[in-house]
N, C-alpha and C. Protein backbone atom coordinates (compact mmCIF):
# COMPACT_ATOMS: atom_id res chain seq x y z
N UNK A 1 -19.00 -41.03 25.87
CA UNK A 1 -19.89 -41.38 24.77
C UNK A 1 -21.17 -40.59 24.91
N UNK A 2 -21.64 -40.01 23.82
CA UNK A 2 -22.87 -39.24 23.83
C UNK A 2 -23.88 -39.95 22.95
N UNK A 3 -25.06 -40.20 23.49
CA UNK A 3 -26.06 -40.97 22.74
C UNK A 3 -26.79 -40.18 21.67
N UNK A 4 -26.88 -38.87 21.85
CA UNK A 4 -27.57 -38.03 20.86
C UNK A 4 -26.68 -36.86 20.49
N UNK A 5 -26.72 -36.49 19.22
CA UNK A 5 -25.92 -35.35 18.77
C UNK A 5 -26.40 -34.06 19.42
N UNK A 6 -27.66 -34.01 19.84
CA UNK A 6 -28.20 -32.81 20.47
C UNK A 6 -27.50 -32.52 21.80
N UNK A 7 -26.84 -33.50 22.39
CA UNK A 7 -26.16 -33.31 23.67
C UNK A 7 -24.70 -32.90 23.50
N UNK A 8 -24.25 -32.66 22.28
CA UNK A 8 -22.84 -32.38 22.03
C UNK A 8 -22.54 -30.89 22.02
N UNK A 9 -23.28 -30.10 21.28
CA UNK A 9 -22.93 -28.69 21.12
C UNK A 9 -24.15 -27.81 21.05
N UNK A 10 -23.96 -26.64 20.49
CA UNK A 10 -25.06 -25.68 20.35
C UNK A 10 -25.99 -26.09 19.21
N UNK A 11 -27.11 -25.39 19.12
CA UNK A 11 -28.05 -25.67 18.02
C UNK A 11 -27.38 -25.49 16.66
N UNK A 12 -26.61 -24.41 16.51
CA UNK A 12 -25.95 -24.15 15.24
C UNK A 12 -24.99 -25.24 14.84
N UNK A 13 -24.21 -25.72 15.82
CA UNK A 13 -23.27 -26.81 15.54
C UNK A 13 -24.01 -28.08 15.14
N UNK A 14 -25.06 -28.40 15.88
CA UNK A 14 -25.85 -29.60 15.57
C UNK A 14 -26.45 -29.54 14.17
N UNK A 15 -27.02 -28.39 13.82
CA UNK A 15 -27.64 -28.24 12.50
C UNK A 15 -26.58 -28.34 11.40
N UNK A 16 -25.43 -27.71 11.61
CA UNK A 16 -24.36 -27.74 10.62
C UNK A 16 -23.86 -29.17 10.40
N UNK A 17 -23.63 -29.90 11.48
CA UNK A 17 -23.14 -31.28 11.37
C UNK A 17 -24.19 -32.17 10.71
N UNK A 18 -25.44 -32.05 11.12
CA UNK A 18 -26.50 -32.86 10.52
C UNK A 18 -26.64 -32.56 9.03
N UNK A 19 -26.56 -31.28 8.65
CA UNK A 19 -26.67 -30.91 7.24
C UNK A 19 -25.52 -31.50 6.44
N UNK A 20 -24.30 -31.43 6.97
CA UNK A 20 -23.14 -31.97 6.25
C UNK A 20 -23.25 -33.48 6.10
N UNK A 21 -23.68 -34.18 7.15
CA UNK A 21 -23.84 -35.63 7.07
C UNK A 21 -24.91 -35.99 6.04
N UNK A 22 -26.03 -35.27 6.07
CA UNK A 22 -27.11 -35.54 5.10
C UNK A 22 -26.65 -35.28 3.67
N UNK A 23 -25.91 -34.20 3.46
CA UNK A 23 -25.41 -33.89 2.12
C UNK A 23 -24.47 -34.98 1.64
N UNK A 24 -23.60 -35.46 2.51
CA UNK A 24 -22.66 -36.52 2.11
C UNK A 24 -23.40 -37.83 1.81
N UNK A 25 -24.44 -38.15 2.58
CA UNK A 25 -25.22 -39.36 2.30
C UNK A 25 -25.94 -39.23 0.96
N UNK A 26 -26.50 -38.06 0.68
CA UNK A 26 -27.15 -37.83 -0.61
C UNK A 26 -26.13 -37.93 -1.73
N UNK A 27 -24.93 -37.41 -1.49
CA UNK A 27 -23.88 -37.45 -2.50
C UNK A 27 -23.47 -38.89 -2.83
N UNK A 28 -23.43 -39.76 -1.83
CA UNK A 28 -23.10 -41.17 -2.08
C UNK A 28 -24.15 -41.79 -3.00
N UNK A 29 -25.43 -41.55 -2.71
CA UNK A 29 -26.51 -42.04 -3.57
C UNK A 29 -26.38 -41.46 -4.97
N UNK A 30 -26.11 -40.15 -5.05
CA UNK A 30 -26.03 -39.46 -6.33
C UNK A 30 -24.90 -40.01 -7.19
N UNK A 31 -23.74 -40.27 -6.58
CA UNK A 31 -22.60 -40.80 -7.33
C UNK A 31 -22.91 -42.18 -7.90
N UNK A 32 -23.58 -43.02 -7.11
CA UNK A 32 -23.94 -44.35 -7.60
C UNK A 32 -24.95 -44.25 -8.74
N UNK A 33 -25.93 -43.35 -8.59
CA UNK A 33 -26.95 -43.19 -9.63
C UNK A 33 -26.37 -42.54 -10.87
N UNK A 34 -25.38 -41.65 -10.71
CA UNK A 34 -24.83 -40.96 -11.88
C UNK A 34 -24.03 -41.90 -12.76
N UNK A 35 -23.54 -43.00 -12.22
CA UNK A 35 -22.87 -44.01 -13.07
C UNK A 35 -23.85 -44.59 -14.08
N UNK A 36 -25.10 -44.72 -13.65
CA UNK A 36 -26.11 -45.31 -14.52
C UNK A 36 -26.78 -44.27 -15.41
N UNK A 37 -27.08 -43.08 -14.85
CA UNK A 37 -27.88 -42.09 -15.57
C UNK A 37 -27.08 -40.88 -16.05
N UNK A 38 -25.80 -40.81 -15.75
CA UNK A 38 -25.01 -39.63 -16.07
C UNK A 38 -25.11 -38.61 -14.95
N UNK A 39 -24.31 -37.58 -15.02
CA UNK A 39 -24.31 -36.58 -13.97
C UNK A 39 -25.61 -35.78 -13.97
N UNK A 40 -26.12 -35.44 -12.81
CA UNK A 40 -27.36 -34.69 -12.68
C UNK A 40 -27.33 -33.90 -11.37
N UNK A 41 -28.30 -33.02 -11.22
CA UNK A 41 -28.43 -32.21 -10.01
C UNK A 41 -29.60 -32.72 -9.19
N UNK A 42 -29.48 -32.61 -7.89
CA UNK A 42 -30.55 -33.01 -6.97
C UNK A 42 -30.98 -31.77 -6.19
N UNK A 43 -32.28 -31.57 -6.08
CA UNK A 43 -32.81 -30.53 -5.22
C UNK A 43 -33.17 -31.19 -3.89
N UNK A 44 -32.69 -30.63 -2.81
CA UNK A 44 -32.87 -31.22 -1.49
C UNK A 44 -33.45 -30.18 -0.55
N UNK A 45 -34.53 -30.52 0.14
CA UNK A 45 -35.11 -29.60 1.11
C UNK A 45 -34.51 -29.86 2.47
N UNK A 46 -34.04 -28.81 3.12
CA UNK A 46 -33.50 -28.89 4.47
C UNK A 46 -34.10 -27.78 5.30
N UNK A 47 -34.60 -28.15 6.45
CA UNK A 47 -35.18 -27.19 7.36
C UNK A 47 -34.12 -26.72 8.36
N UNK A 48 -34.35 -25.62 8.99
CA UNK A 48 -33.52 -25.07 10.06
C UNK A 48 -32.18 -24.51 9.60
N UNK A 49 -31.90 -24.49 8.29
CA UNK A 49 -30.66 -23.91 7.81
C UNK A 49 -30.60 -22.43 8.20
N UNK A 50 -31.75 -21.77 8.27
CA UNK A 50 -31.80 -20.37 8.62
C UNK A 50 -31.33 -20.05 10.03
N UNK A 51 -31.20 -21.07 10.89
CA UNK A 51 -30.71 -20.85 12.24
C UNK A 51 -29.19 -20.73 12.30
N UNK A 52 -28.52 -21.06 11.20
CA UNK A 52 -27.06 -21.01 11.18
C UNK A 52 -26.56 -19.57 11.07
N UNK A 53 -25.35 -19.36 11.51
CA UNK A 53 -24.68 -18.07 11.33
C UNK A 53 -24.54 -17.82 9.83
N UNK A 54 -24.66 -16.58 9.37
CA UNK A 54 -24.58 -16.30 7.92
C UNK A 54 -23.34 -16.88 7.24
N UNK A 55 -22.19 -16.89 7.90
CA UNK A 55 -21.00 -17.49 7.30
C UNK A 55 -21.17 -18.99 7.09
N UNK A 56 -21.84 -19.65 8.03
CA UNK A 56 -22.07 -21.09 7.89
C UNK A 56 -23.13 -21.40 6.84
N UNK A 57 -24.10 -20.49 6.67
CA UNK A 57 -25.10 -20.68 5.62
C UNK A 57 -24.40 -20.71 4.26
N UNK A 58 -23.55 -19.73 4.02
CA UNK A 58 -22.82 -19.69 2.75
C UNK A 58 -21.95 -20.94 2.60
N UNK A 59 -21.29 -21.36 3.67
CA UNK A 59 -20.44 -22.55 3.61
C UNK A 59 -21.20 -23.81 3.28
N UNK A 60 -22.37 -24.00 3.89
CA UNK A 60 -23.14 -25.23 3.65
C UNK A 60 -23.75 -25.20 2.25
N UNK A 61 -24.13 -24.00 1.76
CA UNK A 61 -24.63 -23.91 0.39
C UNK A 61 -23.53 -24.24 -0.61
N UNK A 62 -22.34 -23.71 -0.40
CA UNK A 62 -21.21 -24.02 -1.28
C UNK A 62 -20.85 -25.50 -1.21
N UNK A 63 -20.86 -26.06 0.00
CA UNK A 63 -20.55 -27.48 0.21
C UNK A 63 -21.50 -28.37 -0.59
N UNK A 64 -22.79 -28.02 -0.57
CA UNK A 64 -23.78 -28.81 -1.31
C UNK A 64 -23.70 -28.54 -2.81
N UNK A 65 -23.59 -27.27 -3.20
CA UNK A 65 -23.60 -26.90 -4.61
C UNK A 65 -22.44 -27.49 -5.39
N UNK A 66 -21.26 -27.61 -4.77
CA UNK A 66 -20.12 -28.18 -5.49
C UNK A 66 -20.31 -29.67 -5.73
N UNK A 67 -21.30 -30.28 -5.09
CA UNK A 67 -21.64 -31.69 -5.31
C UNK A 67 -22.90 -31.82 -6.16
N UNK A 68 -23.32 -30.72 -6.81
CA UNK A 68 -24.54 -30.66 -7.61
C UNK A 68 -25.78 -31.01 -6.80
N UNK A 69 -25.77 -30.61 -5.54
CA UNK A 69 -26.93 -30.75 -4.66
C UNK A 69 -27.39 -29.33 -4.35
N UNK A 70 -28.60 -29.00 -4.78
CA UNK A 70 -29.13 -27.65 -4.62
C UNK A 70 -30.08 -27.65 -3.43
N UNK A 71 -29.75 -26.90 -2.40
CA UNK A 71 -30.56 -26.88 -1.18
C UNK A 71 -31.74 -25.94 -1.34
N UNK A 72 -32.87 -26.42 -0.92
CA UNK A 72 -34.07 -25.61 -0.80
C UNK A 72 -34.30 -25.50 0.69
N UNK A 73 -34.23 -24.29 1.24
CA UNK A 73 -34.37 -24.14 2.68
C UNK A 73 -35.30 -22.99 3.01
N UNK A 74 -35.74 -22.97 4.26
CA UNK A 74 -36.67 -21.93 4.67
C UNK A 74 -36.01 -20.99 5.66
N UNK A 75 -36.59 -19.84 5.82
CA UNK A 75 -36.16 -18.84 6.78
C UNK A 75 -34.69 -18.46 6.67
N UNK A 76 -34.25 -18.03 5.51
CA UNK A 76 -32.84 -17.64 5.43
C UNK A 76 -32.57 -16.41 6.27
N UNK A 77 -31.44 -16.41 6.97
CA UNK A 77 -31.07 -15.26 7.79
C UNK A 77 -29.82 -14.59 7.26
N UNK A 78 -29.36 -15.00 6.10
CA UNK A 78 -28.14 -14.43 5.57
C UNK A 78 -28.34 -12.95 5.25
N UNK A 79 -27.29 -12.19 5.42
CA UNK A 79 -27.34 -10.78 5.10
C UNK A 79 -26.71 -10.50 3.75
N UNK A 80 -26.26 -11.53 3.08
CA UNK A 80 -25.62 -11.39 1.78
C UNK A 80 -26.54 -11.98 0.71
N UNK A 81 -27.12 -11.13 -0.10
CA UNK A 81 -28.07 -11.57 -1.12
C UNK A 81 -27.43 -12.54 -2.11
N UNK A 82 -26.11 -12.46 -2.27
CA UNK A 82 -25.41 -13.31 -3.24
C UNK A 82 -25.33 -14.77 -2.79
N UNK A 83 -25.68 -15.08 -1.54
CA UNK A 83 -25.63 -16.47 -1.06
C UNK A 83 -26.71 -17.33 -1.71
N UNK A 84 -27.81 -16.72 -2.12
CA UNK A 84 -28.94 -17.46 -2.69
C UNK A 84 -29.16 -17.04 -4.13
N UNK A 85 -29.32 -18.01 -5.01
CA UNK A 85 -29.57 -17.71 -6.41
C UNK A 85 -31.02 -17.29 -6.62
N UNK A 86 -31.94 -17.92 -5.92
CA UNK A 86 -33.37 -17.62 -6.05
C UNK A 86 -33.98 -17.48 -4.67
N UNK A 87 -34.92 -16.56 -4.54
CA UNK A 87 -35.70 -16.42 -3.31
C UNK A 87 -37.17 -16.40 -3.68
N UNK A 88 -37.96 -17.25 -3.02
CA UNK A 88 -39.38 -17.38 -3.30
C UNK A 88 -40.19 -17.20 -2.02
N UNK A 89 -41.44 -16.83 -2.17
CA UNK A 89 -42.38 -16.81 -1.06
C UNK A 89 -43.39 -17.92 -1.32
N UNK A 90 -43.50 -18.86 -0.39
CA UNK A 90 -44.45 -19.96 -0.50
C UNK A 90 -45.59 -19.71 0.47
N UNK A 91 -46.81 -19.90 -0.01
CA UNK A 91 -47.99 -19.74 0.84
C UNK A 91 -49.05 -20.73 0.39
N UNK A 92 -50.03 -20.95 1.25
CA UNK A 92 -51.14 -21.86 0.95
C UNK A 92 -52.39 -21.05 0.64
N UNK A 93 -53.15 -21.52 -0.34
CA UNK A 93 -54.42 -20.86 -0.62
C UNK A 93 -55.52 -21.55 0.20
N UNK A 94 -56.76 -21.18 -0.01
CA UNK A 94 -57.88 -21.72 0.75
C UNK A 94 -58.11 -23.21 0.57
N UNK A 95 -57.59 -23.78 -0.52
CA UNK A 95 -57.77 -25.22 -0.78
C UNK A 95 -56.49 -26.00 -0.47
N UNK A 96 -55.57 -25.41 0.29
CA UNK A 96 -54.31 -26.03 0.72
C UNK A 96 -53.35 -26.28 -0.43
N UNK A 97 -53.51 -25.55 -1.55
CA UNK A 97 -52.54 -25.61 -2.64
C UNK A 97 -51.41 -24.64 -2.35
N UNK A 98 -50.19 -25.06 -2.64
CA UNK A 98 -49.04 -24.20 -2.40
C UNK A 98 -48.87 -23.24 -3.56
N UNK A 99 -48.76 -21.96 -3.24
CA UNK A 99 -48.50 -20.93 -4.24
C UNK A 99 -47.05 -20.48 -4.09
N UNK A 100 -46.34 -20.43 -5.22
CA UNK A 100 -44.93 -20.05 -5.23
C UNK A 100 -44.81 -18.72 -5.98
N UNK A 101 -44.29 -17.72 -5.28
CA UNK A 101 -44.12 -16.39 -5.87
C UNK A 101 -42.63 -16.07 -5.88
N UNK A 102 -42.03 -15.91 -7.08
CA UNK A 102 -40.61 -15.52 -7.12
C UNK A 102 -40.44 -14.10 -6.58
N UNK A 103 -39.49 -13.95 -5.65
CA UNK A 103 -39.22 -12.63 -5.08
C UNK A 103 -37.94 -12.02 -5.64
N UNK A 104 -36.92 -12.87 -5.85
CA UNK A 104 -35.61 -12.35 -6.22
C UNK A 104 -34.84 -13.41 -6.98
N UNK A 105 -34.15 -13.00 -8.04
CA UNK A 105 -33.24 -13.86 -8.78
C UNK A 105 -31.90 -13.16 -8.85
N UNK A 106 -30.84 -13.89 -8.50
CA UNK A 106 -29.50 -13.32 -8.54
C UNK A 106 -28.66 -14.15 -9.49
N UNK A 107 -28.14 -13.51 -10.52
CA UNK A 107 -27.24 -14.17 -11.47
C UNK A 107 -25.85 -13.59 -11.28
N UNK A 108 -24.94 -14.45 -10.91
CA UNK A 108 -23.55 -14.02 -10.67
C UNK A 108 -22.87 -13.77 -12.01
N UNK A 109 -22.26 -12.63 -12.14
CA UNK A 109 -21.56 -12.27 -13.37
C UNK A 109 -20.08 -12.60 -13.18
N UNK A 110 -19.57 -13.50 -14.02
CA UNK A 110 -18.17 -13.89 -13.95
C UNK A 110 -17.32 -12.83 -14.64
N UNK A 111 -16.20 -12.47 -14.03
CA UNK A 111 -15.31 -11.47 -14.62
C UNK A 111 -14.15 -12.13 -15.31
């Protein structure tokens, strides 16, 4: 028996498992709420996704997106620009206001 998930595997494995569990918990909430409000999308912020291997980044994004959960994450390390639909630079100004600068937009063309 292991008391903490951090004692089970590597950082990447821990982050991947935690992200999948969090996405499934959000999905349970979303399904219950969608009965009342209709289907909708949720934007979810997750940290440390950038520590995952690029193949796992794409997998976790697809896993969330097919449930209409759109991940907002920091420090992407993927080498495939097609993994992310939008890329932004966030910074703080002198009054601690967050400034959002769009850097890249990728629209997938269906054939």
